[in-house]
């Protein structure tokens, strides 16, 4: 008998919340959720930095804010295509580029990902799911 527990039981369990989903999809969702959480943090930091910056530096911080918006759009597209499908993923990614609406979309999609991960017995903390638990 091996000293390591068998993980075949969890690998054969059906995935809840994703049509035709697999455990590999859950791993992708967990990874993309970490990107979303990083995007939320960067969005908040870039917004505060843009508002607090001197007038002569606001242009550069504004560019940083739009760069973070594009990064968020990529992660929203990747995550929402897994959660909602391709068409909704494209629509949400486009809407994410709008500065304050994008932050709301990040929070909503992150909440949906957290719900699906928890439904499948994966612990989700402040910094996302533990990848080793999948």
Protein backbone atom coordinates (compact mmCIF):
# COMPACT_ATOMS: atom_id res chain seq x y z
CA UNK A 1 0.00 0.00 0.00
CA UNK A 2 1.33 3.41 -0.95
CA UNK A 3 1.85 6.14 1.63
CA UNK A 4 0.27 8.69 -0.73
CA UNK A 5 -3.52 8.85 -0.97
CA UNK A 6 -5.10 7.97 -4.28
CA UNK A 7 -6.52 10.90 -6.19
CA UNK A 8 -8.42 8.76 -8.67
CA UNK A 9 -11.67 9.32 -6.75
CA UNK A 10 -11.53 13.07 -7.28
CA UNK A 11 -10.46 12.71 -10.91
CA UNK A 12 -13.55 10.65 -11.73
CA UNK A 13 -16.06 12.93 -10.00
CA UNK A 14 -18.28 14.86 -12.41
CA UNK A 15 -17.63 18.58 -12.61
CA UNK A 16 -20.49 20.75 -11.33
CA UNK A 17 -21.42 24.08 -12.92
CA UNK A 18 -19.66 23.68 -16.28
CA UNK A 19 -21.45 21.86 -19.12
CA UNK A 20 -19.24 18.96 -20.27
CA UNK A 21 -16.53 20.23 -17.92
CA UNK A 22 -13.47 18.27 -16.86
CA UNK A 23 -11.00 18.54 -13.99
CA UNK A 24 -8.61 20.19 -16.47
CA UNK A 25 -11.24 22.91 -16.98
CA UNK A 26 -11.32 23.47 -13.22
CA UNK A 27 -7.54 23.85 -13.20
CA UNK A 28 -7.80 26.40 -16.03
CA UNK A 29 -10.53 28.28 -14.16
CA UNK A 30 -8.38 28.40 -11.03
CA UNK A 31 -5.36 29.71 -12.98
CA UNK A 32 -7.40 32.33 -14.83
CA UNK A 33 -9.04 33.38 -11.57
CA UNK A 34 -5.60 34.12 -10.14
CA UNK A 35 -5.02 36.37 -13.17
CA UNK A 36 -8.36 38.09 -12.51
CA UNK A 37 -7.42 38.70 -8.87
CA UNK A 38 -4.09 40.15 -9.96
CA UNK A 39 -5.98 42.32 -12.46
CA UNK A 40 -8.33 43.62 -9.76
CA UNK A 41 -5.38 44.53 -7.57
CA UNK A 42 -3.53 46.21 -10.44
CA UNK A 43 -6.67 48.09 -11.51
CA UNK A 44 -7.20 49.51 -8.06
CA UNK A 45 -3.53 50.44 -7.69
CA UNK A 46 -3.33 52.03 -11.15
CA UNK A 47 -6.56 54.00 -10.60
CA UNK A 48 -5.35 55.36 -7.27
CA UNK A 49 -1.92 56.14 -8.75
CA UNK A 50 -3.51 57.96 -11.70
CA UNK A 51 -5.70 60.08 -9.46
CA UNK A 52 -2.88 60.85 -7.02
CA UNK A 53 -0.18 61.57 -9.62
CA UNK A 54 0.92 65.10 -10.45
CA UNK A 55 -0.65 66.51 -13.60
CA UNK A 56 2.52 66.12 -15.68
CA UNK A 57 2.64 62.34 -14.89
CA UNK A 58 -1.05 61.53 -15.23
CA UNK A 59 -0.70 60.72 -18.92
CA UNK A 60 1.78 57.92 -18.16
CA UNK A 61 -0.30 56.54 -15.33
CA UNK A 62 -3.31 56.70 -17.62
CA UNK A 63 -1.44 54.58 -20.16
CA UNK A 64 -0.62 52.15 -17.37
CA UNK A 65 -4.31 52.01 -16.47
CA UNK A 66 -5.28 51.16 -20.05
CA UNK A 67 -2.52 48.53 -20.22
CA UNK A 68 -3.93 46.93 -17.10
CA UNK A 69 -7.36 47.11 -18.73
CA UNK A 70 -6.10 45.15 -21.72
CA UNK A 71 -4.54 42.55 -19.42
CA UNK A 72 -7.86 42.27 -17.59
CA UNK A 73 -9.68 41.86 -20.89
CA UNK A 74 -7.44 38.92 -21.80
CA UNK A 75 -8.06 37.16 -18.47
CA UNK A 76 -11.79 37.90 -18.62
CA UNK A 77 -11.93 36.41 -22.12
CA UNK A 78 -10.05 33.28 -21.05
CA UNK A 79 -12.10 32.77 -17.89
CA UNK A 80 -15.52 33.70 -19.23
CA UNK A 81 -15.17 31.44 -22.28
CA UNK A 82 -14.73 28.56 -19.82
CA UNK A 83 -17.67 29.71 -17.69
CA UNK A 84 -20.17 31.18 -20.16
CA UNK A 85 -19.11 30.33 -23.72
CA UNK A 86 -17.30 32.10 -26.53
CA UNK A 87 -19.84 34.79 -27.45
CA UNK A 88 -20.32 36.01 -23.87
CA UNK A 89 -16.56 35.78 -23.35
CA UNK A 90 -15.90 38.12 -26.25
CA UNK A 91 -18.62 40.55 -25.09
CA UNK A 92 -17.36 40.64 -21.51
CA UNK A 93 -13.76 41.10 -22.67
CA UNK A 94 -14.75 44.10 -24.79
CA UNK A 95 -16.74 45.64 -21.92
CA UNK A 96 -13.80 45.10 -19.56
CA UNK A 97 -11.80 47.76 -21.39
CA UNK A 98 -14.22 50.46 -20.10
CA UNK A 99 -12.42 51.59 -16.91
CA UNK A 100 -14.99 51.38 -14.09
CA UNK A 101 -17.36 48.96 -15.80
CA UNK A 102 -14.36 46.68 -16.29
CA UNK A 103 -13.74 46.50 -12.57
CA UNK A 104 -17.37 45.52 -11.98
CA UNK A 105 -17.13 42.80 -14.62
CA UNK A 106 -13.90 41.53 -13.04
CA UNK A 107 -15.65 41.21 -9.68
CA UNK A 108 -18.73 39.48 -11.12
CA UNK A 109 -16.80 36.93 -13.19
CA UNK A 110 -14.47 36.29 -10.25
CA UNK A 111 -17.50 35.60 -8.05
CA UNK A 112 -18.88 33.12 -10.57
CA UNK A 113 -15.53 31.33 -10.79
CA UNK A 114 -15.33 31.15 -6.99
CA UNK A 115 -18.82 29.66 -6.84
CA UNK A 116 -18.01 26.96 -9.38
CA UNK A 117 -14.72 26.06 -7.71
CA UNK A 118 -16.42 25.79 -4.30
CA UNK A 119 -19.24 23.66 -5.76
CA UNK A 120 -16.57 21.22 -6.87
CA UNK A 121 -14.98 21.01 -3.44
CA UNK A 122 -11.99 23.24 -4.15
CA UNK A 123 -11.05 25.67 -1.40
CA UNK A 124 -10.84 29.28 -2.54
CA UNK A 125 -9.12 31.89 -0.42
CA UNK A 126 -8.32 35.56 -0.77
CA UNK A 127 -5.70 34.88 -3.47
CA UNK A 128 -7.73 32.29 -5.37
CA UNK A 129 -7.86 28.53 -5.34
CA UNK A 130 -5.04 26.31 -4.18
CA UNK A 131 -3.86 24.73 -7.41
CA UNK A 132 -2.54 21.72 -5.52
CA UNK A 133 -6.08 20.85 -4.36
CA UNK A 134 -7.34 20.27 -7.91
